Amino acid sequence: MSKAHRGKGIRELPSRGRGECPVCKRSNIKVLYEQESGETKVKICKTCKAAIKHGTKSV
C-alpha cells in the first residue's frame, strides 16, 4: 500500500508539506490533499478532505 502522504515522499515539498488549510484555517498542518475549487485546485488537510467526501463541509 502506498504511503505518499508520509515521511519520505513529502521531504522535497516546501515546508515539508505543512501550511495553513484554506478550509478550516488551521496552521502548521499537513496540506497534501488536492481538491477542486471551481476551476482551481487547492491543497487541504486530511480531516477537511474526509469531511468534504462525507458532505459535512464544502470548499
PDB file of N, CA and C in Angstrom:
ATOM      1  N   MET A   1       0.835  -1.179   0.000  1.00  0.00           N
ATOM      2  CA  MET A   1       0.000   0.000   0.000  1.00  0.00           C
ATOM      3  C   MET A   1       0.883   1.247   0.000  1.00  0.00           C
ATOM      4  N   SER A   2       0.549   2.201  -0.796  1.00  0.00           N
ATOM      5  CA  SER A   2       1.327   3.425  -0.938  1.00  0.00           C
ATOM      6  C   SER A   2       1.175   4.326   0.280  1.00  0.00           C
ATOM      7  N   LYS A   3       2.274   4.975   0.623  1.00  0.00           N
ATOM      8  CA  LYS A   3       2.261   5.917   1.747  1.00  0.00           C
ATOM      9  C   LYS A   3       2.770   7.259   1.251  1.00  0.00           C
ATOM     10  N   ALA A   4       2.096   7.820   0.253  1.00  0.00           N
ATOM     11  CA  ALA A   4       2.557   9.037  -0.418  1.00  0.00           C
ATOM     12  C   ALA A   4       2.464  10.276   0.458  1.00  0.00           C
ATOM     13  N   HIS A   5       1.627  10.260   1.478  1.00  0.00           N
ATOM     14  CA  HIS A   5       1.443  11.450   2.301  1.00  0.00           C
ATOM     15  C   HIS A   5       2.163  11.337   3.642  1.00  0.00           C
ATOM     16  N   ARG A   6       3.210  10.493   3.680  1.00  0.00           N
ATOM     17  CA  ARG A   6       4.001  10.333   4.893  1.00  0.00           C
ATOM     18  C   ARG A   6       5.472  10.533   4.579  1.00  0.00           C
ATOM     19  N   GLY A   7       6.250  10.849   5.553  1.00  0.00           N
ATOM     20  CA  GLY A   7       7.701  10.926   5.571  1.00  0.00           C
ATOM     21  C   GLY A   7       8.459  11.203   4.293  1.00  0.00           C
ATOM     22  N   LYS A   8       9.030  10.170   3.698  1.00  0.00           N
ATOM     23  CA  LYS A   8       9.972  10.324   2.596  1.00  0.00           C
ATOM     24  C   LYS A   8       9.381  11.026   1.377  1.00  0.00           C
ATOM     25  N   GLY A   9       8.126  10.788   1.070  1.00  0.00           N
ATOM     26  CA  GLY A   9       7.512  11.383  -0.106  1.00  0.00           C
ATOM     27  C   GLY A   9       7.253  12.873  -0.002  1.00  0.00           C
ATOM     28  N   ILE A  10       7.234  13.424   1.212  1.00  0.00           N
ATOM     29  CA  ILE A  10       6.945  14.851   1.376  1.00  0.00           C
ATOM     30  C   ILE A  10       8.179  15.662   1.746  1.00  0.00           C
ATOM     31  N   ARG A  11       9.346  15.044   1.788  1.00  0.00           N
ATOM     32  CA  ARG A  11      10.577  15.755   2.166  1.00  0.00           C
ATOM     33  C   ARG A  11      10.929  16.864   1.187  1.00  0.00           C
ATOM     34  N   GLU A  12      10.665  16.667  -0.099  1.00  0.00           N
ATOM     35  CA  GLU A  12      11.059  17.664  -1.101  1.00  0.00           C
ATOM     36  C   GLU A  12      10.039  18.783  -1.277  1.00  0.00           C
ATOM     37  N   LEU A  13       8.889  18.689  -0.627  1.00  0.00           N
ATOM     38  CA  LEU A  13       7.882  19.752  -0.709  1.00  0.00           C
ATOM     39  C   LEU A  13       8.299  20.947   0.134  1.00  0.00           C
ATOM     40  N   PRO A  14       7.873  22.153  -0.240  1.00  0.00           N
ATOM     41  CA  PRO A  14       8.190  23.323   0.584  1.00  0.00           C
ATOM     42  C   PRO A  14       7.584  23.182   1.976  1.00  0.00           C
ATOM     43  N   SER A  15       8.350  23.463   2.988  1.00  0.00           N
ATOM     44  CA  SER A  15       7.944  23.343   4.400  1.00  0.00           C
ATOM     45  C   SER A  15       7.497  21.932   4.738  1.00  0.00           C
ATOM     46  N   ARG A  16       8.005  20.971   3.991  1.00  0.00           N
ATOM     47  CA  ARG A  16       7.671  19.550   4.183  1.00  0.00           C
ATOM     48  C   ARG A  16       6.175  19.288   4.127  1.00  0.00           C
ATOM     49  N   GLY A  17       5.478  20.048   3.264  1.00  0.00           N
ATOM     50  CA  GLY A  17       4.046  19.831   3.065  1.00  0.00           C
ATOM     51  C   GLY A  17       3.156  20.490   4.098  1.00  0.00           C
ATOM     52  N   ARG A  18       3.734  21.314   4.955  1.00  0.00           N
ATOM     53  CA  ARG A  18       2.945  21.943   6.016  1.00  0.00           C
ATOM     54  C   ARG A  18       2.584  23.376   5.659  1.00  0.00           C
ATOM     55  N   GLY A  19       1.433  23.804   6.136  1.00  0.00           N
ATOM     56  CA  GLY A  19       0.969  25.160   5.879  1.00  0.00           C
ATOM     57  C   GLY A  19      -0.384  25.374   6.531  1.00  0.00           C
ATOM     58  N   GLU A  20      -1.146  26.329   6.018  1.00  0.00           N
ATOM     59  CA  GLU A  20      -2.476  26.614   6.556  1.00  0.00           C
ATOM     60  C   GLU A  20      -3.532  26.052   5.619  1.00  0.00           C
ATOM     61  N   CYS A  21      -4.471  25.324   6.185  1.00  0.00           N
ATOM     62  CA  CYS A  21      -5.564  24.763   5.396  1.00  0.00           C
ATOM     63  C   CYS A  21      -6.545  25.882   5.066  1.00  0.00           C
ATOM     64  N   PRO A  22      -6.907  26.060   3.787  1.00  0.00           N
ATOM     65  CA  PRO A  22      -7.830  27.133   3.417  1.00  0.00           C
ATOM     66  C   PRO A  22      -9.280  26.881   3.852  1.00  0.00           C
ATOM     67  N   VAL A  23      -9.611  25.660   4.227  1.00  0.00           N
ATOM     68  CA  VAL A  23     -10.983  25.341   4.622  1.00  0.00           C
ATOM     69  C   VAL A  23     -11.196  25.566   6.118  1.00  0.00           C
ATOM     70  N   CYS A  24     -10.349  24.944   6.952  1.00  0.00           N
ATOM     71  CA  CYS A  24     -10.538  25.042   8.402  1.00  0.00           C
ATOM     72  C   CYS A  24      -9.643  26.090   9.053  1.00  0.00           C
ATOM     73  N   LYS A  25      -8.731  26.681   8.289  1.00  0.00           N
ATOM     74  CA  LYS A  25      -7.843  27.762   8.745  1.00  0.00           C
ATOM     75  C   LYS A  25      -6.855  27.346   9.836  1.00  0.00           C
ATOM     76  N   ARG A  26      -6.625  26.040  10.013  1.00  0.00           N
ATOM     77  CA  ARG A  26      -5.615  25.612  10.976  1.00  0.00           C
ATOM     78  C   ARG A  26      -4.239  25.815  10.365  1.00  0.00           C
ATOM     79  N   SER A  27      -3.281  26.217  11.197  1.00  0.00           N
ATOM     80  CA  SER A  27      -1.943  26.488  10.680  1.00  0.00           C
ATOM     81  C   SER A  27      -0.979  25.376  11.081  1.00  0.00           C
ATOM     82  N   ASN A  28       0.119  25.281  10.336  1.00  0.00           N
ATOM     83  CA  ASN A  28       1.182  24.304  10.556  1.00  0.00           C
ATOM     84  C   ASN A  28       0.654  22.870  10.554  1.00  0.00           C
ATOM     85  N   ILE A  29      -0.235  22.579   9.623  1.00  0.00           N
ATOM     86  CA  ILE A  29      -0.808  21.246   9.465  1.00  0.00           C
ATOM     87  C   ILE A  29      -0.470  20.773   8.058  1.00  0.00           C
ATOM     88  N   LYS A  30      -0.381  19.463   7.861  1.00  0.00           N
ATOM     89  CA  LYS A  30      -0.054  18.944   6.534  1.00  0.00           C
ATOM     90  C   LYS A  30      -1.195  19.224   5.570  1.00  0.00           C
ATOM     91  N   VAL A  31      -0.899  19.942   4.506  1.00  0.00           N
ATOM     92  CA  VAL A  31      -1.879  20.228   3.455  1.00  0.00           C
ATOM     93  C   VAL A  31      -1.407  19.527   2.184  1.00  0.00           C
ATOM     94  N   LEU A  32      -1.798  18.275   2.046  1.00  0.00           N
ATOM     95  CA  LEU A  32      -1.279  17.426   0.984  1.00  0.00           C
ATOM     96  C   LEU A  32      -2.343  16.915   0.025  1.00  0.00           C
ATOM     97  N   TYR A  33      -3.587  17.121   0.334  1.00  0.00           N
ATOM     98  CA  TYR A  33      -4.671  16.527  -0.445  1.00  0.00           C
ATOM     99  C   TYR A  33      -5.276  17.562  -1.383  1.00  0.00           C
ATOM    100  N   GLU A  34      -5.257  17.281  -2.685  1.00  0.00           N
ATOM    101  CA  GLU A  34      -5.775  18.218  -3.672  1.00  0.00           C
ATOM    102  C   GLU A  34      -7.288  18.094  -3.782  1.00  0.00           C
ATOM    103  N   GLN A  35      -7.938  19.245  -3.865  1.00  0.00           N
ATOM    104  CA  GLN A  35      -9.388  19.306  -4.020  1.00  0.00           C
ATOM    105  C   GLN A  35      -9.704  20.405  -5.017  1.00  0.00           C
ATOM    106  N   GLU A  36     -10.635  20.154  -5.919  1.00  0.00           N
ATOM    107  CA  GLU A  36     -11.006  21.168  -6.895  1.00  0.00           C
ATOM    108  C   GLU A  36     -11.965  22.171  -6.270  1.00  0.00           C
ATOM    109  N   SER A  37     -11.657  23.444  -6.470  1.00  0.00           N
ATOM    110  CA  SER A  37     -12.500  24.532  -6.003  1.00  0.00           C
ATOM    111  C   SER A  37     -12.808  25.402  -7.215  1.00  0.00           C
ATOM    112  N   GLY A  38     -13.920  25.116  -7.855  1.00  0.00           N
ATOM    113  CA  GLY A  38     -14.236  25.802  -9.103  1.00  0.00           C
ATOM    114  C   GLY A  38     -13.298  25.311 -10.201  1.00  0.00           C
ATOM    115  N   GLU A  39     -12.500  26.215 -10.746  1.00  0.00           N
ATOM    116  CA  GLU A  39     -11.547  25.837 -11.799  1.00  0.00           C
ATOM    117  C   GLU A  39     -10.149  25.587 -11.252  1.00  0.00           C
ATOM    118  N   THR A  40      -9.895  25.982 -10.010  1.00  0.00           N
ATOM    119  CA  THR A  40      -8.563  25.824  -9.444  1.00  0.00           C
ATOM    120  C   THR A  40      -8.509  24.635  -8.501  1.00  0.00           C
ATOM    121  N   LYS A  41      -7.304  24.132  -8.289  1.00  0.00           N
ATOM    122  CA  LYS A  41      -7.084  23.063  -7.328  1.00  0.00           C
ATOM    123  C   LYS A  41      -6.402  23.654  -6.105  1.00  0.00           C
ATOM    124  N   VAL A  42      -6.916  23.342  -4.942  1.00  0.00           N
ATOM    125  CA  VAL A  42      -6.315  23.786  -3.698  1.00  0.00           C
ATOM    126  C   VAL A  42      -5.889  22.562  -2.902  1.00  0.00           C
ATOM    127  N   LYS A  43      -4.893  22.742  -2.057  1.00  0.00           N
ATOM    128  CA  LYS A  43      -4.441  21.657  -1.196  1.00  0.00           C
ATOM    129  C   LYS A  43      -5.034  21.863   0.181  1.00  0.00           C
ATOM    130  N   ILE A  44      -5.652  20.797   0.716  1.00  0.00           N
ATOM    131  CA  ILE A  44      -6.323  20.870   2.008  1.00  0.00           C
ATOM    132  C   ILE A  44      -5.801  19.768   2.921  1.00  0.00           C
ATOM    133  N   CYS A  45      -6.189  19.829   4.200  1.00  0.00           N
ATOM    134  CA  CYS A  45      -5.735  18.835   5.172  1.00  0.00           C
ATOM    135  C   CYS A  45      -6.577  17.560   5.082  1.00  0.00           C
ATOM    136  N   LYS A  46      -6.129  16.549   5.777  1.00  0.00           N
ATOM    137  CA  LYS A  46      -6.762  15.239   5.732  1.00  0.00           C
ATOM    138  C   LYS A  46      -8.177  15.255   6.308  1.00  0.00           C
ATOM    139  N   THR A  47      -8.390  15.964   7.406  1.00  0.00           N
ATOM    140  CA  THR A  47      -9.715  15.980   8.028  1.00  0.00           C
ATOM    141  C   THR A  47     -10.733  16.707   7.164  1.00  0.00           C
ATOM    142  N   CYS A  48     -10.315  17.782   6.508  1.00  0.00           N
ATOM    143  CA  CYS A  48     -11.224  18.505   5.611  1.00  0.00           C
ATOM    144  C   CYS A  48     -11.520  17.678   4.368  1.00  0.00           C
ATOM    145  N   LYS A  49     -10.544  16.939   3.877  1.00  0.00           N
ATOM    146  CA  LYS A  49     -10.755  16.057   2.720  1.00  0.00           C
ATOM    147  C   LYS A  49     -11.838  15.026   3.042  1.00  0.00           C
ATOM    148  N   ALA A  50     -11.770  14.436   4.246  1.00  0.00           N
ATOM    149  CA  ALA A  50     -12.766  13.440   4.656  1.00  0.00           C
ATOM    150  C   ALA A  50     -14.134  14.087   4.859  1.00  0.00           C
ATOM    151  N   ALA A  51     -14.158  15.300   5.426  1.00  0.00           N
ATOM    152  CA  ALA A  51     -15.432  15.981   5.678  1.00  0.00           C
ATOM    153  C   ALA A  51     -16.112  16.356   4.372  1.00  0.00           C
ATOM    154  N   ILE A  52     -15.332  16.769   3.383  1.00  0.00           N
ATOM    155  CA  ILE A  52     -15.898  17.114   2.066  1.00  0.00           C
ATOM    156  C   ILE A  52     -16.430  15.852   1.392  1.00  0.00           C
ATOM    157  N   LYS A  53     -15.712  14.755   1.533  1.00  0.00           N
ATOM    158  CA  LYS A  53     -16.149  13.491   0.941  1.00  0.00           C
ATOM    159  C   LYS A  53     -17.482  13.030   1.537  1.00  0.00           C
ATOM    160  N   HIS A  54     -17.673  13.251   2.841  1.00  0.00           N
ATOM    161  CA  HIS A  54     -18.896  12.826   3.512  1.00  0.00           C
ATOM    162  C   HIS A  54     -20.008  13.866   3.433  1.00  0.00           C
ATOM    163  N   GLY A  55     -19.687  15.049   2.904  1.00  0.00           N
ATOM    164  CA  GLY A  55     -20.720  16.058   2.689  1.00  0.00           C
ATOM    165  C   GLY A  55     -20.981  16.996   3.850  1.00  0.00           C
ATOM    166  N   THR A  56     -20.114  17.000   4.866  1.00  0.00           N
ATOM    167  CA  THR A  56     -20.337  17.896   6.002  1.00  0.00           C
ATOM    168  C   THR A  56     -19.685  19.253   5.831  1.00  0.00           C
ATOM    169  N   LYS A  57     -18.721  19.369   4.931  1.00  0.00           N
ATOM    170  CA  LYS A  57     -18.068  20.657   4.619  1.00  0.00           C
ATOM    171  C   LYS A  57     -18.060  20.846   3.129  1.00  0.00           C
ATOM    172  N   SER A  58     -17.857  22.096   2.709  1.00  0.00           N
ATOM    173  CA  SER A  58     -17.700  22.398   1.290  1.00  0.00           C
ATOM    174  C   SER A  58     -16.528  23.341   1.112  1.00  0.00           C
ATOM    175  N   VAL A  59     -15.938  23.310  -0.067  1.00  0.00           N
ATOM    176  CA  VAL A  59     -14.772  24.160  -0.357  1.00  0.00           C
ATOM    177  C   VAL A  59     -15.218  25.530  -0.754  1.00  0.00           C
TER     178      VAL A  59
END
